[in-house]
Amino acid sequence: MIIFFVMVWLICIVFQDAKHSQASAILRIHT
């Protein structure tokens, strides 16, 4: 359970930190 929480927390930080660079790239790939 703790590992799952840490993974979600890291994902949130990554998306907040690189919202314009990585998030846009991921959205472009999926769309």
PDB file of N, CA and C in Angstrom:
ATOM      1  N   MET A   1       0.832  -1.199   0.000  1.00  0.00           N
ATOM      2  CA  MET A   1       0.000   0.000   0.000  1.00  0.00           C
ATOM      3  C   MET A   1       0.872   1.257   0.000  1.00  0.00           C
ATOM      4  N   ILE A   2       1.913   1.229   0.816  1.00  0.00           N
ATOM      5  CA  ILE A   2       2.793   2.411   0.889  1.00  0.00           C
ATOM      6  C   ILE A   2       3.477   2.642  -0.453  1.00  0.00           C
ATOM      7  N   ILE A   3       3.893   1.561  -1.101  1.00  0.00           N
ATOM      8  CA  ILE A   3       4.562   1.695  -2.401  1.00  0.00           C
ATOM      9  C   ILE A   3       3.624   2.353  -3.403  1.00  0.00           C
ATOM     10  N   PHE A   4       2.351   1.947  -3.390  1.00  0.00           N
ATOM     11  CA  PHE A   4       1.368   2.532  -4.304  1.00  0.00           C
ATOM     12  C   PHE A   4       1.232   4.025  -4.046  1.00  0.00           C
ATOM     13  N   PHE A   5       1.193   4.418  -2.768  1.00  0.00           N
ATOM     14  CA  PHE A   5       1.070   5.823  -2.407  1.00  0.00           C
ATOM     15  C   PHE A   5       2.282   6.609  -2.898  1.00  0.00           C
ATOM     16  N   VAL A   6       3.466   6.049  -2.732  1.00  0.00           N
ATOM     17  CA  VAL A   6       4.690   6.720  -3.180  1.00  0.00           C
ATOM     18  C   VAL A   6       4.684   6.888  -4.694  1.00  0.00           C
ATOM     19  N   MET A   7       4.250   5.862  -5.407  1.00  0.00           N
ATOM     20  CA  MET A   7       4.212   5.948  -6.873  1.00  0.00           C
ATOM     21  C   MET A   7       3.275   7.063  -7.318  1.00  0.00           C
ATOM     22  N   VAL A   8       2.086   7.128  -6.724  1.00  0.00           N
ATOM     23  CA  VAL A   8       1.133   8.176  -7.082  1.00  0.00           C
ATOM     24  C   VAL A   8       1.714   9.549  -6.753  1.00  0.00           C
ATOM     25  N   TRP A   9       2.371   9.658  -5.599  1.00  0.00           N
ATOM     26  CA  TRP A   9       2.963  10.932  -5.185  1.00  0.00           C
ATOM     27  C   TRP A   9       4.043  11.375  -6.181  1.00  0.00           C
ATOM     28  N   LEU A  10       4.888  10.429  -6.601  1.00  0.00           N
ATOM     29  CA  LEU A  10       5.937  10.764  -7.564  1.00  0.00           C
ATOM     30  C   LEU A  10       5.329  11.188  -8.894  1.00  0.00           C
ATOM     31  N   ILE A  11       4.308  10.492  -9.339  1.00  0.00           N
ATOM     32  CA  ILE A  11       3.659  10.848 -10.606  1.00  0.00           C
ATOM     33  C   ILE A  11       3.091  12.254 -10.529  1.00  0.00           C
ATOM     34  N   CYS A  12       2.462  12.583  -9.407  1.00  0.00           N
ATOM     35  CA  CYS A  12       1.893  13.929  -9.243  1.00  0.00           C
ATOM     36  C   CYS A  12       2.996  14.978  -9.312  1.00  0.00           C
ATOM     37  N   ILE A  13       4.124  14.725  -8.665  1.00  0.00           N
ATOM     38  CA  ILE A  13       5.227  15.690  -8.674  1.00  0.00           C
ATOM     39  C   ILE A  13       5.780  15.843 -10.085  1.00  0.00           C
ATOM     40  N   VAL A  14       5.948  14.722 -10.781  1.00  0.00           N
ATOM     41  CA  VAL A  14       6.509  14.786 -12.135  1.00  0.00           C
ATOM     42  C   VAL A  14       5.603  15.607 -13.045  1.00  0.00           C
ATOM     43  N   PHE A  15       4.297  15.349 -12.955  1.00  0.00           N
ATOM     44  CA  PHE A  15       3.367  16.078 -13.821  1.00  0.00           C
ATOM     45  C   PHE A  15       3.303  17.544 -13.449  1.00  0.00           C
ATOM     46  N   GLN A  16       3.415  17.861 -12.140  1.00  0.00           N
ATOM     47  CA  GLN A  16       3.382  19.262 -11.730  1.00  0.00           C
ATOM     48  C   GLN A  16       4.678  19.968 -12.125  1.00  0.00           C
ATOM     49  N   ASP A  17       5.793  19.242 -12.038  1.00  0.00           N
ATOM     50  CA  ASP A  17       7.089  19.853 -12.309  1.00  0.00           C
ATOM     51  C   ASP A  17       7.292  20.070 -13.801  1.00  0.00           C
ATOM     52  N   ALA A  18       6.881  19.105 -14.607  1.00  0.00           N
ATOM     53  CA  ALA A  18       7.087  19.199 -16.055  1.00  0.00           C
ATOM     54  C   ALA A  18       5.743  19.172 -16.766  1.00  0.00           C
ATOM     55  N   LYS A  19       4.835  20.025 -16.323  1.00  0.00           N
ATOM     56  CA  LYS A  19       3.476  20.008 -16.861  1.00  0.00           C
ATOM     57  C   LYS A  19       3.487  20.356 -18.351  1.00  0.00           C
ATOM     58  N   HIS A  20       4.311  21.313 -18.738  1.00  0.00           N
ATOM     59  CA  HIS A  20       4.268  21.800 -20.118  1.00  0.00           C
ATOM     60  C   HIS A  20       5.124  20.957 -21.052  1.00  0.00           C
ATOM     61  N   SER A  21       6.159  20.310 -20.515  1.00  0.00           N
ATOM     62  CA  SER A  21       7.062  19.565 -21.389  1.00  0.00           C
ATOM     63  C   SER A  21       6.638  18.104 -21.521  1.00  0.00           C
ATOM     64  N   GLN A  22       6.627  17.360 -20.400  1.00  0.00           N
ATOM     65  CA  GLN A  22       6.315  15.932 -20.481  1.00  0.00           C
ATOM     66  C   GLN A  22       4.830  15.693 -20.703  1.00  0.00           C
ATOM     67  N   ALA A  23       3.978  16.424 -19.979  1.00  0.00           N
ATOM     68  CA  ALA A  23       2.536  16.203 -20.112  1.00  0.00           C
ATOM     69  C   ALA A  23       2.094  16.461 -21.546  1.00  0.00           C
ATOM     70  N   SER A  24       2.595  17.520 -22.157  1.00  0.00           N
ATOM     71  CA  SER A  24       2.220  17.826 -23.534  1.00  0.00           C
ATOM     72  C   SER A  24       2.702  16.721 -24.479  1.00  0.00           C
ATOM     73  N   ALA A  25       3.912  16.234 -24.233  1.00  0.00           N
ATOM     74  CA  ALA A  25       4.442  15.174 -25.093  1.00  0.00           C
ATOM     75  C   ALA A  25       3.606  13.910 -24.951  1.00  0.00           C
ATOM     76  N   ILE A  26       3.256  13.557 -23.708  1.00  0.00           N
ATOM     77  CA  ILE A  26       2.455  12.352 -23.490  1.00  0.00           C
ATOM     78  C   ILE A  26       1.087  12.510 -24.151  1.00  0.00           C
ATOM     79  N   LEU A  27       0.484  13.690 -23.994  1.00  0.00           N
ATOM     80  CA  LEU A  27      -0.829  13.916 -24.599  1.00  0.00           C
ATOM     81  C   LEU A  27      -0.725  13.830 -26.116  1.00  0.00           C
ATOM     82  N   ARG A  28       0.333  14.362 -26.673  1.00  0.00           N
ATOM     83  CA  ARG A  28       0.496  14.302 -28.131  1.00  0.00           C
ATOM     84  C   ARG A  28       0.619  12.857 -28.594  1.00  0.00           C
ATOM     85  N   ILE A  29       1.375  12.048 -27.857  1.00  0.00           N
ATOM     86  CA  ILE A  29       1.563  10.655 -28.252  1.00  0.00           C
ATOM     87  C   ILE A  29       0.233   9.903 -28.187  1.00  0.00           C
ATOM     88  N   HIS A  30      -0.535  10.138 -27.110  1.00  0.00           N
ATOM     89  CA  HIS A  30      -1.794   9.420 -26.940  1.00  0.00           C
ATOM     90  C   HIS A  30      -2.875   9.941 -27.886  1.00  0.00           C
ATOM     91  N   THR A  31      -2.747  11.183 -28.324  1.00  0.00           N
ATOM     92  CA  THR A  31      -3.729  11.735 -29.254  1.00  0.00           C
ATOM     93  C   THR A  31      -3.139  11.723 -30.645  1.00  0.00           C
TER      94      THR A  31
END
